[in-house]
């Protein structure tokens, strides 16, 4: 919010302040790419109350950050999915979640830096497990697929938020041309990155690989 923008006037009445309003204000602050912008005072300003009023609903800045980021997971998980195939439904959900985290860069960086545990991430995990179970996976295979997806999501968010799209072109300047013939041969396709497309492609590889590995494991398990 710009200095010239009018903020709500502070009031001593806290009865209209809710956790939901605090979370909404936190997400406004987190549209900055710097997670340190999220402070109790800054959120209080957005809500039009004193900082002490915020403490009546959240314990500290860490809980504030967790609830804000977790709300993005919850929102994405609650969107109805119409895709018939479990694979398409899961990919659509993950793409939506990734977009929400990138659209709120501060929240994306918090997700990259720390574990976020809450109703949203629990709902998300249930959704992921449900899709993977529908795809015929169970036990260790579901855990492996879920972990691989989470690591890819974290890496994809970090990559898009911290690295310019064509920074890889600098790699070609680090060594003599004769020392990197394969790199130079593939530089054009490597340097130009579409994060969303690469993410979708990699998710597909993970799902295909886990399903194939689980099928092979089942065939080789003695009955």
Protein backbone atom coordinates (compact mmCIF):
# COMPACT_ATOMS: atom_id res chain seq x y z
CA UNK A 1 0.00 0.00 0.00
CA UNK A 2 1.41 3.42 -0.98
CA UNK A 3 1.96 6.18 1.57
CA UNK A 4 -0.77 8.19 -0.09
CA UNK A 5 -3.32 5.36 0.19
CA UNK A 6 -5.80 5.77 3.00
CA UNK A 7 -5.63 3.10 5.70
CA UNK A 8 -8.51 2.21 7.98
CA UNK A 9 -8.61 4.39 11.09
CA UNK A 10 -7.46 2.66 14.25
CA UNK A 11 -10.14 1.91 16.77
CA UNK A 12 -10.11 0.63 20.32
CA UNK A 13 -12.95 -1.73 19.45
CA UNK A 14 -11.51 -5.15 18.60
CA UNK A 15 -14.71 -7.11 18.31
CA UNK A 16 -14.75 -6.88 14.50
CA UNK A 17 -11.19 -8.15 14.21
CA UNK A 18 -10.97 -11.83 13.29
CA UNK A 19 -8.23 -14.27 12.40
CA UNK A 20 -9.59 -14.28 8.85
CA UNK A 21 -9.17 -10.50 8.55
CA UNK A 22 -5.67 -10.73 10.00
CA UNK A 23 -4.75 -13.43 7.47
CA UNK A 24 -6.13 -11.34 4.60
CA UNK A 25 -4.08 -8.35 5.77
CA UNK A 26 -1.00 -10.56 6.08
CA UNK A 27 -1.37 -11.69 2.47
CA UNK A 28 -1.57 -8.06 1.36
CA UNK A 29 1.75 -7.41 3.11
CA UNK A 30 3.26 -10.60 1.66
CA UNK A 31 2.67 -9.41 -1.89
CA UNK A 32 6.10 -7.94 -1.32
CA UNK A 33 8.82 -10.47 -2.14
CA UNK A 34 10.48 -9.84 1.23
CA UNK A 35 9.03 -12.03 4.02
CA UNK A 36 10.58 -9.70 6.62
CA UNK A 37 7.95 -7.12 5.62
CA UNK A 38 5.45 -9.20 7.58
CA UNK A 39 5.36 -7.75 11.08
CA UNK A 40 2.64 -7.48 13.69
CA UNK A 41 2.77 -3.69 13.39
CA UNK A 42 2.48 -3.74 9.59
CA UNK A 43 -0.48 -6.11 9.66
CA UNK A 44 -2.09 -4.04 12.41
CA UNK A 45 -1.84 -0.98 10.17
CA UNK A 46 -3.59 -2.87 7.37
CA UNK A 47 -6.35 -3.89 9.80
CA UNK A 48 -6.69 -0.42 11.29
CA UNK A 49 -5.95 -1.56 14.86
CA UNK A 50 -3.09 -1.44 17.30
CA UNK A 51 -0.38 -4.11 17.23
CA UNK A 52 -1.56 -5.36 20.63
CA UNK A 53 -4.95 -6.18 19.11
CA UNK A 54 -3.27 -8.66 16.76
CA UNK A 55 -1.77 -10.51 19.73
CA UNK A 56 -5.27 -11.35 20.94
CA UNK A 57 -5.60 -13.64 17.88
CA UNK A 58 -2.09 -14.85 17.05
CA UNK A 59 0.84 -15.58 19.34
CA UNK A 60 3.73 -14.21 17.33
CA UNK A 61 5.10 -13.39 13.89
CA UNK A 62 5.89 -17.04 13.12
CA UNK A 63 2.31 -18.09 13.74
CA UNK A 64 1.14 -15.14 11.68
CA UNK A 65 3.32 -16.23 8.75
CA UNK A 66 2.24 -19.87 9.06
CA UNK A 67 -1.45 -19.03 9.06
CA UNK A 68 -1.10 -16.70 6.08
CA UNK A 69 0.78 -19.22 3.92
CA UNK A 70 -1.42 -22.09 5.08
CA UNK A 71 -4.49 -20.17 3.93
CA UNK A 72 -3.18 -20.28 0.34
CA UNK A 73 -2.95 -24.07 0.54
CA UNK A 74 -6.46 -24.27 1.96
CA UNK A 75 -7.89 -22.01 -0.76
CA UNK A 76 -6.27 -24.06 -3.53
CA UNK A 77 -7.41 -27.36 -2.01
CA UNK A 78 -11.02 -26.17 -1.74
CA UNK A 79 -11.39 -25.36 -5.45
CA UNK A 80 -13.66 -27.97 -7.11
CA UNK A 81 -11.78 -30.01 -9.74
CA UNK A 82 -13.66 -31.31 -12.76
CA UNK A 83 -10.89 -33.35 -14.37
CA UNK A 84 -11.93 -37.00 -14.65
CA UNK A 85 -8.47 -38.55 -14.38
CA UNK A 86 -6.74 -38.41 -11.00
CA UNK A 87 -3.48 -37.44 -12.67
CA UNK A 88 -4.96 -34.41 -14.44
CA UNK A 89 -6.82 -33.39 -11.29
CA UNK A 90 -3.66 -33.51 -9.19
CA UNK A 91 -1.59 -31.59 -11.73
CA UNK A 92 -4.28 -28.89 -12.02
CA UNK A 93 -4.33 -28.49 -8.25
CA UNK A 94 -0.54 -28.25 -8.00
CA UNK A 95 -0.37 -25.68 -10.79
CA UNK A 96 -3.02 -23.60 -9.00
CA UNK A 97 -1.16 -23.83 -5.70
CA UNK A 98 2.13 -22.87 -7.35
CA UNK A 99 0.50 -19.84 -8.99
CA UNK A 100 -0.96 -18.66 -5.67
CA UNK A 101 2.45 -18.88 -3.98
CA UNK A 102 4.15 -17.01 -6.83
CA UNK A 103 1.44 -14.34 -6.89
CA UNK A 104 2.18 -13.67 -3.21
CA UNK A 105 6.01 -13.73 -3.34
CA UNK A 106 6.56 -13.19 0.39
CA UNK A 107 4.37 -16.20 1.14
CA UNK A 108 6.23 -18.22 -1.48
CA UNK A 109 9.55 -17.44 0.17
CA UNK A 110 8.21 -18.38 3.60
CA UNK A 111 7.08 -21.73 2.18
CA UNK A 112 10.56 -22.27 0.73
CA UNK A 113 12.32 -21.41 4.00
CA UNK A 114 10.27 -23.22 6.61
CA UNK A 115 7.77 -25.99 7.19
CA UNK A 116 4.15 -24.83 7.11
CA UNK A 117 1.79 -26.99 9.16
CA UNK A 118 -1.90 -26.17 9.41
CA UNK A 119 -5.41 -27.04 8.21
CA UNK A 120 -4.50 -25.98 4.67
CA UNK A 121 -1.45 -28.19 4.33
CA UNK A 122 -3.35 -31.06 5.98
CA UNK A 123 -6.19 -30.66 3.48
CA UNK A 124 -3.66 -30.46 0.66
CA UNK A 125 -1.94 -33.65 1.79
CA UNK A 126 -5.27 -35.46 2.01
CA UNK A 127 -6.10 -34.32 -1.52
CA UNK A 128 -2.73 -35.47 -2.85
CA UNK A 129 -2.95 -38.81 -1.08
CA UNK A 130 -6.49 -39.28 -2.39
CA UNK A 131 -5.43 -38.70 -5.99
CA UNK A 132 -2.40 -40.96 -5.66
CA UNK A 133 -4.51 -43.66 -4.03
CA UNK A 134 -7.00 -43.37 -6.91
CA UNK A 135 -4.04 -43.94 -9.22
CA UNK A 136 -3.38 -47.28 -7.55
CA UNK A 137 -0.61 -46.25 -5.17
CA UNK A 138 -0.46 -47.05 -1.47
CA UNK A 139 1.90 -47.06 1.50
CA UNK A 140 5.49 -46.24 0.61
CA UNK A 141 4.61 -45.33 -2.98
CA UNK A 142 2.24 -42.56 -1.82
CA UNK A 143 4.84 -41.24 0.61
CA UNK A 144 7.56 -41.28 -2.06
CA UNK A 145 5.40 -39.52 -4.62
CA UNK A 146 4.20 -36.91 -2.12
CA UNK A 147 7.74 -36.13 -0.96
CA UNK A 148 9.01 -35.85 -4.52
CA UNK A 149 6.15 -33.50 -5.44
CA UNK A 150 6.78 -31.33 -2.37
CA UNK A 151 10.49 -31.06 -3.12
CA UNK A 152 9.75 -30.13 -6.73
CA UNK A 153 7.23 -27.48 -5.64
CA UNK A 154 9.71 -25.95 -3.19
CA UNK A 155 12.48 -25.92 -5.81
CA UNK A 156 10.22 -24.50 -8.50
CA UNK A 157 9.02 -21.66 -6.25
CA UNK A 158 12.57 -20.86 -5.12
CA UNK A 159 13.84 -20.92 -8.69
CA UNK A 160 11.21 -18.54 -10.03
CA UNK A 161 11.42 -16.11 -7.10
CA UNK A 162 15.21 -15.87 -6.80
CA UNK A 163 16.62 -16.34 -10.30
CA UNK A 164 16.03 -14.22 -13.42
CA UNK A 165 14.59 -16.34 -16.27
CA UNK A 166 17.70 -16.18 -18.47
CA UNK A 167 20.45 -16.16 -15.83
CA UNK A 168 21.67 -19.49 -17.21
CA UNK A 169 23.13 -17.72 -20.22
CA UNK A 170 25.93 -16.60 -17.92
CA UNK A 171 27.07 -20.22 -17.63
CA UNK A 172 28.31 -20.11 -21.21
CA UNK A 173 30.69 -17.29 -20.31
CA UNK A 174 32.39 -19.02 -17.38
CA UNK A 175 34.70 -21.35 -19.34
CA UNK A 176 36.31 -21.50 -22.74
CA UNK A 177 34.00 -22.64 -25.52
CA UNK A 178 35.92 -25.85 -26.09
CA UNK A 179 35.43 -26.83 -22.44
CA UNK A 180 31.64 -26.79 -22.61
CA UNK A 181 30.65 -28.11 -26.05
CA UNK A 182 27.49 -29.90 -24.88
CA UNK A 183 26.41 -26.96 -22.75
CA UNK A 184 26.80 -24.59 -25.68
CA UNK A 185 24.96 -26.97 -27.98
CA UNK A 186 21.95 -26.99 -25.65
CA UNK A 187 22.18 -23.46 -24.27
CA UNK A 188 19.29 -22.01 -26.24
CA UNK A 189 16.71 -24.41 -24.87
CA UNK A 190 18.34 -24.43 -21.42
CA UNK A 191 18.58 -20.67 -20.99
CA UNK A 192 15.02 -19.81 -21.92
CA UNK A 193 12.94 -21.11 -19.03
CA UNK A 194 9.16 -21.28 -18.78
CA UNK A 195 8.79 -22.13 -15.11
CA UNK A 196 5.14 -23.12 -15.33
CA UNK A 197 5.66 -25.43 -18.30
CA UNK A 198 8.77 -27.01 -16.80
CA UNK A 199 6.90 -27.58 -13.52
CA UNK A 200 4.02 -29.32 -15.28
CA UNK A 201 6.44 -31.48 -17.26
CA UNK A 202 8.41 -32.47 -14.15
CA UNK A 203 5.25 -33.33 -12.19
CA UNK A 204 4.22 -35.64 -15.01
CA UNK A 205 7.62 -37.34 -14.91
CA UNK A 206 7.35 -37.85 -11.16
CA UNK A 207 3.88 -39.36 -11.37
CA UNK A 208 4.78 -41.61 -14.29
CA UNK A 209 7.99 -42.70 -12.58
CA UNK A 210 6.38 -43.49 -9.23
CA UNK A 211 3.52 -45.43 -10.80
CA UNK A 212 5.97 -47.43 -12.92
CA UNK A 213 8.26 -48.09 -9.95
CA UNK A 214 5.34 -49.20 -7.79
CA UNK A 215 4.08 -51.52 -10.52
CA UNK A 216 7.55 -53.10 -10.84
CA UNK A 217 7.84 -53.42 -7.08
CA UNK A 218 4.48 -55.16 -6.87
CA UNK A 219 5.42 -57.61 -9.59
CA UNK A 220 8.69 -58.51 -7.88
CA UNK A 221 7.21 -58.88 -4.38
CA UNK A 222 6.76 -62.54 -3.41
CA UNK A 223 3.15 -63.50 -2.71
